[in-house]
Amino acid sequence: MTQYKGLMDKLTKFNEERQRLNEVVSHYAKSGMKKFLHLDHITYEAGSLDKRTKEMLGLVSSLVLRCDDCILYHLTQCLQLGITPGEILEVLEVGLLVGGSITIPHIRRAIDVMDQSIKK
């Protein structure tokens, strides 16, 4: 339970900081940046592909690009959408294949977050 509390604290802090930074960026952003951020938001809405598929694509892309914040964001979204640990592991395997061994530290952290979230 303590391990899960630590995860929830980490995710809460991450989401709060992300929200705070988004507000700061929104305050200063010009038209081009605002359009890009809006595009980022609408890209993950359901369309021909459902939201689950798009979040898994976001997770694998983030892994290949080695962006820890992005990995944590998309992993959290995947878990909230009910994507199973088995599905997440397969997504991470695709990322490993495409991104190579340099993605392993990021995979370790992603699996740790997933593991803690399912042990709640």
Protein backbone atom coordinates (compact mmCIF):
# COMPACT_ATOMS: atom_id res chain seq x y z
CA MET A 1 0.00 0.00 0.00
CA THR A 2 2.85 2.41 0.78
CA GLN A 3 4.35 1.71 -2.63
CA TYR A 4 0.99 2.54 -4.26
CA LYS A 5 0.66 5.73 -2.19
CA GLY A 6 4.11 6.76 -3.45
CA LEU A 7 2.98 6.18 -7.02
CA MET A 8 -0.22 8.15 -6.52
CA ASP A 9 1.77 11.00 -4.96
CA LYS A 10 4.15 10.95 -7.94
CA LEU A 11 1.30 10.94 -10.47
CA THR A 12 -0.58 13.67 -8.60
CA LYS A 13 2.53 15.86 -8.49
CA PHE A 14 3.23 15.15 -12.16
CA ASN A 15 -0.32 16.08 -13.19
CA GLU A 16 -0.36 19.20 -11.02
CA GLU A 17 2.98 20.38 -12.43
CA ARG A 18 1.86 19.59 -15.97
CA GLN A 19 -1.33 21.60 -15.46
CA ARG A 20 0.58 24.52 -13.92
CA LEU A 21 3.08 24.59 -16.77
CA ASN A 22 0.30 24.36 -19.37
CA GLU A 23 -1.31 27.42 -17.78
CA VAL A 24 1.99 29.35 -17.89
CA VAL A 25 2.53 28.37 -21.53
CA SER A 26 -1.06 29.34 -22.41
CA HIS A 27 -0.51 32.76 -20.88
CA TYR A 28 2.51 33.48 -23.10
CA ALA A 29 1.77 31.37 -26.16
CA LYS A 30 1.21 33.02 -29.48
CA SER A 31 -1.21 31.77 -32.13
CA GLY A 32 1.12 29.15 -33.67
CA MET A 33 1.90 27.48 -30.36
CA LYS A 34 -1.75 27.54 -29.29
CA LYS A 35 -2.73 25.88 -32.57
CA PHE A 36 -0.08 23.19 -32.11
CA LEU A 37 -1.19 22.48 -28.53
CA HIS A 38 -4.79 22.26 -29.70
CA LEU A 39 -3.72 19.86 -32.45
CA ASP A 40 -1.99 17.73 -29.81
CA HIS A 41 -5.22 17.60 -27.81
CA ILE A 42 -7.57 16.76 -30.68
CA THR A 43 -5.21 14.17 -32.19
CA TYR A 44 -5.90 11.81 -29.29
CA GLU A 45 -9.69 12.08 -29.57
CA ALA A 46 -11.53 9.12 -31.09
CA GLY A 47 -11.83 9.15 -34.87
CA SER A 48 -11.13 6.34 -37.31
CA LEU A 49 -8.89 5.00 -34.53
CA ASP A 50 -10.30 4.76 -31.03
CA LYS A 51 -8.76 6.64 -28.10
CA ARG A 52 -7.19 3.42 -26.70
CA THR A 53 -5.28 2.78 -29.91
CA LYS A 54 -4.14 6.38 -30.14
CA GLU A 55 -2.85 6.37 -26.54
CA MET A 56 -0.93 3.15 -27.20
CA LEU A 57 0.59 4.80 -30.27
CA GLY A 58 1.45 7.82 -28.12
CA LEU A 59 3.11 5.54 -25.56
CA VAL A 60 5.26 3.70 -28.10
CA SER A 61 6.22 6.95 -29.83
CA SER A 62 7.16 8.54 -26.51
CA LEU A 63 9.27 5.52 -25.62
CA VAL A 64 11.15 5.64 -28.91
CA LEU A 65 11.75 9.38 -28.43
CA ARG A 66 12.78 8.70 -24.79
CA CYS A 67 10.58 11.39 -23.25
CA ASP A 68 9.92 10.38 -19.65
CA ASP A 69 7.17 12.97 -19.14
CA CYS A 70 5.44 11.80 -22.32
CA ILE A 71 5.81 8.14 -21.36
CA LEU A 72 4.30 8.79 -17.94
CA TYR A 73 1.45 10.81 -19.44
CA HIS A 74 0.53 8.22 -22.07
CA LEU A 75 1.02 5.29 -19.69
CA THR A 76 -1.36 6.94 -17.23
CA GLN A 77 -3.88 7.54 -20.02
CA CYS A 78 -3.55 3.89 -21.11
CA LEU A 79 -4.17 2.62 -17.59
CA GLN A 80 -7.18 4.91 -17.16
CA LEU A 81 -8.63 3.61 -20.43
CA GLY A 82 -8.37 0.03 -19.17
CA ILE A 83 -5.50 -1.05 -21.38
CA THR A 84 -4.23 -4.23 -19.79
CA PRO A 85 -0.71 -4.89 -18.52
CA GLY A 86 -0.34 -7.47 -21.31
CA GLU A 87 -1.24 -4.89 -23.94
CA ILE A 88 1.11 -2.33 -22.39
CA LEU A 89 3.96 -4.84 -22.37
CA GLU A 90 3.42 -5.53 -26.07
CA VAL A 91 3.44 -1.78 -26.78
CA LEU A 92 6.72 -1.51 -24.86
CA GLU A 93 8.14 -4.43 -26.86
CA VAL A 94 7.37 -2.59 -30.10
CA GLY A 95 9.09 0.49 -28.68
CA LEU A 96 12.11 -1.62 -27.71
CA LEU A 97 12.33 -3.10 -31.18
CA VAL A 98 12.08 0.27 -32.89
CA GLY A 99 14.08 2.30 -30.37
CA GLY A 100 16.71 -0.24 -29.40
CA SER A 101 18.42 -0.94 -26.12
CA ILE A 102 18.63 2.75 -25.22
CA THR A 103 14.90 2.56 -24.37
CA ILE A 104 15.48 -0.05 -21.63
CA PRO A 105 15.82 2.44 -18.73
CA HIS A 106 12.55 4.06 -19.82
CA ILE A 107 10.89 0.65 -20.10
CA ARG A 108 12.02 -0.19 -16.55
CA ARG A 109 10.39 2.96 -15.18
CA ALA A 110 7.21 2.42 -17.22
CA ILE A 111 6.85 -1.16 -16.02
CA ASP A 112 7.45 -0.03 -12.43
CA VAL A 113 4.62 2.52 -12.71
CA MET A 114 2.36 -0.09 -14.29
CA ASP A 115 3.28 -2.65 -11.61
CA GLN A 116 2.57 -0.25 -8.77
CA SER A 117 -0.75 0.79 -10.31
CA ILE A 118 -2.00 -2.81 -10.55
CA LYS A 119 -0.92 -3.62 -6.97
CA LYS A 120 -3.22 -0.99 -5.48
